[in-house]
Amino acid sequence: MLAVGSEAPNFTVKDHNNIPMTLSNYRGNKVILWFYPKADTPGCTIEGKGFRDEFKNFEEKNVVILGVSLDTVEENKAFAEKFEFPYPLLCDVDRDIALAYGAVKNKDDQYAARITYVIDVEGKIAEAIESVDTKNHASDLCSRI
């Protein structure tokens, strides 16, 4: 995991709508960057629905939610549409983001680790969470941010 206080590595990658997303475009906002292993699997669905259900509360606090997996645009699009996720799911098929953030060990890894980073308004790591309770993760984060 990246150290708290370190610069969050910038990236540009396509989201589930095939739109390029760049982390540095969100300077001035807090960002929750949550990595999940596989679209439309039980734990990832529970976690994603938690962020969906808390989305308006995060928005009121000027917090951007970005989900990240190694899934394709098509897989993440189906996942986002099935569960009506109002936030972007980033498609890290080349594993560049996951490598930079320690969610995979190498390019051959099939799934990202279930980890989360909170990035502050200046683009620094404010929190690095490597143990996630999928049922309460979003509400726990929302209550303390």
Protein backbone atom coordinates (compact mmCIF):
# COMPACT_ATOMS: atom_id res chain seq x y z
CA MET A 1 0.00 0.00 0.00
CA LEU A 2 1.09 3.55 -0.63
CA ALA A 3 2.12 5.59 2.38
CA VAL A 4 -0.22 8.17 3.86
CA GLY A 5 1.06 11.61 2.85
CA SER A 6 2.61 10.42 -0.41
CA GLU A 7 1.56 11.77 -3.79
CA ALA A 8 -1.25 9.74 -5.38
CA PRO A 9 0.03 8.43 -8.73
CA ASN A 10 -1.79 10.13 -11.58
CA PHE A 11 -3.42 8.05 -14.30
CA THR A 12 -5.67 8.22 -17.31
CA VAL A 13 -7.85 5.21 -18.10
CA LYS A 14 -11.24 4.56 -19.68
CA ASP A 15 -14.32 4.22 -17.52
CA HIS A 16 -17.27 1.90 -18.09
CA ASN A 17 -18.70 4.37 -20.62
CA ASN A 18 -15.42 4.33 -22.57
CA ILE A 19 -14.64 7.90 -21.43
CA PRO A 20 -11.02 8.70 -20.49
CA MET A 21 -10.73 9.58 -16.81
CA THR A 22 -7.69 11.37 -15.33
CA LEU A 23 -7.14 11.48 -11.58
CA SER A 24 -5.54 14.95 -11.59
CA ASN A 25 -8.80 16.37 -13.01
CA TYR A 26 -10.29 15.83 -9.55
CA ARG A 27 -7.85 18.07 -7.65
CA GLY A 28 -9.88 20.16 -5.26
CA ASN A 29 -12.08 17.17 -4.42
CA LYS A 30 -11.47 14.30 -2.09
CA VAL A 31 -11.41 11.05 -4.05
CA ILE A 32 -12.23 7.55 -2.89
CA LEU A 33 -10.39 5.10 -5.11
CA TRP A 34 -11.77 1.65 -4.31
CA PHE A 35 -10.31 -1.41 -5.97
CA TYR A 36 -12.47 -4.51 -6.38
CA PRO A 37 -11.54 -7.96 -7.70
CA LYS A 38 -14.26 -8.72 -10.28
CA ALA A 39 -17.37 -7.03 -11.64
CA ASP A 40 -20.71 -8.60 -10.71
CA THR A 41 -19.42 -10.97 -8.05
CA PRO A 42 -21.04 -11.10 -4.59
CA GLY A 43 -18.55 -9.10 -2.49
CA CYS A 44 -17.93 -6.52 -5.20
CA THR A 45 -21.66 -6.08 -5.70
CA ILE A 46 -22.27 -5.51 -1.98
CA GLU A 47 -19.42 -2.99 -1.83
CA GLY A 48 -20.53 -1.22 -5.02
CA LYS A 49 -24.13 -0.97 -3.82
CA GLY A 50 -22.87 0.56 -0.58
CA PHE A 51 -21.13 3.34 -2.52
CA ARG A 52 -24.26 3.73 -4.67
CA ASP A 53 -26.48 4.06 -1.60
CA GLU A 54 -24.16 6.63 0.02
CA PHE A 55 -23.43 8.48 -3.25
CA LYS A 56 -25.51 11.59 -2.51
CA ASN A 57 -23.96 11.88 0.97
CA PHE A 58 -20.47 11.68 -0.53
CA GLU A 59 -21.44 14.24 -3.19
CA GLU A 60 -22.61 16.67 -0.49
CA LYS A 61 -19.13 16.38 1.06
CA ASN A 62 -17.43 17.07 -2.31
CA VAL A 63 -16.11 13.50 -2.48
CA VAL A 64 -15.66 11.71 -5.83
CA ILE A 65 -16.13 7.93 -5.95
CA LEU A 66 -14.04 5.94 -8.45
CA GLY A 67 -14.24 2.15 -8.58
CA VAL A 68 -11.30 0.31 -10.18
CA SER A 69 -11.01 -3.25 -11.45
CA LEU A 70 -9.13 -5.14 -14.13
CA ASP A 71 -12.39 -5.75 -15.99
CA THR A 72 -13.09 -4.61 -19.54
CA VAL A 73 -15.28 -1.66 -20.48
CA GLU A 74 -18.04 -4.09 -21.46
CA GLU A 75 -17.88 -6.04 -18.17
CA ASN A 76 -17.89 -2.89 -16.04
CA LYS A 77 -20.63 -1.28 -18.15
CA ALA A 78 -22.91 -4.28 -17.59
CA PHE A 79 -22.08 -4.21 -13.85
CA ALA A 80 -22.74 -0.46 -13.52
CA GLU A 81 -26.01 -0.65 -15.44
CA LYS A 82 -27.29 -3.75 -13.64
CA PHE A 83 -26.91 -2.10 -10.23
CA GLU A 84 -27.43 1.55 -11.30
CA PHE A 85 -24.06 2.78 -10.07
CA PRO A 86 -23.97 6.59 -10.40
CA TYR A 87 -20.15 6.79 -10.33
CA PRO A 88 -17.46 5.73 -12.82
CA LEU A 89 -15.98 2.25 -12.83
CA LEU A 90 -12.43 2.44 -14.17
CA CYS A 91 -11.26 -0.33 -16.48
CA ASP A 92 -7.62 -1.01 -15.63
CA VAL A 93 -7.14 -3.79 -18.18
CA ASP A 94 -3.40 -3.01 -18.52
CA ARG A 95 -3.05 -3.09 -14.70
CA ASP A 96 -1.15 0.21 -14.63
CA ILE A 97 -3.26 1.77 -11.87
CA ALA A 98 -3.37 -1.45 -9.83
CA LEU A 99 0.42 -1.76 -10.05
CA ALA A 100 0.96 1.89 -9.08
CA TYR A 101 -1.34 1.55 -6.06
CA GLY A 102 -0.27 -1.93 -4.96
CA ALA A 103 -3.56 -3.64 -5.82
CA VAL A 104 -1.67 -6.24 -7.89
CA LYS A 105 1.86 -7.57 -7.60
CA ASN A 106 2.47 -7.94 -11.35
CA LYS A 107 0.84 -7.64 -14.77
CA ASP A 108 -0.12 -11.34 -14.70
CA ASP A 109 -2.42 -11.01 -11.68
CA GLN A 110 -6.00 -11.80 -12.64
CA TYR A 111 -7.75 -9.78 -9.92
CA ALA A 112 -7.10 -6.59 -8.00
CA ALA A 113 -6.94 -6.73 -4.21
CA ARG A 114 -9.94 -5.30 -2.36
CA ILE A 115 -8.29 -2.13 -1.08
CA THR A 116 -9.27 1.54 -0.88
CA TYR A 117 -7.46 4.86 -0.88
CA VAL A 118 -8.78 8.23 0.21
CA ILE A 119 -7.00 10.98 -1.72
CA ASP A 120 -7.13 14.52 -0.36
CA VAL A 121 -7.89 17.74 -2.24
CA GLU A 122 -4.17 18.24 -2.99
CA GLY A 123 -3.72 14.79 -4.52
CA LYS A 124 -2.03 13.15 -1.51
CA ILE A 125 -2.90 9.82 0.07
CA ALA A 126 -4.97 10.65 3.16
CA GLU A 127 -5.88 7.07 4.02
CA ALA A 128 -4.86 3.60 2.80
CA ILE A 129 -7.26 0.81 3.75
CA GLU A 130 -6.17 -2.76 3.15
CA SER A 131 -8.87 -4.54 5.13
CA VAL A 132 -12.37 -3.85 3.81
CA ASP A 133 -15.73 -4.97 5.21
CA THR A 134 -17.83 -4.97 2.04
CA LYS A 135 -21.12 -4.52 3.91
CA ASN A 136 -20.15 -1.40 5.85
CA HIS A 137 -17.21 0.06 3.94
CA ALA A 138 -19.01 2.90 2.17
CA SER A 139 -21.09 3.99 5.16
CA ASP A 140 -18.05 3.81 7.48
CA LEU A 141 -16.03 5.98 5.10
CA CYS A 142 -18.87 8.43 4.55
CA SER A 143 -19.41 8.93 8.27
CA ARG A 144 -15.77 9.91 8.90
CA ILE A 145 -14.85 11.90 5.80
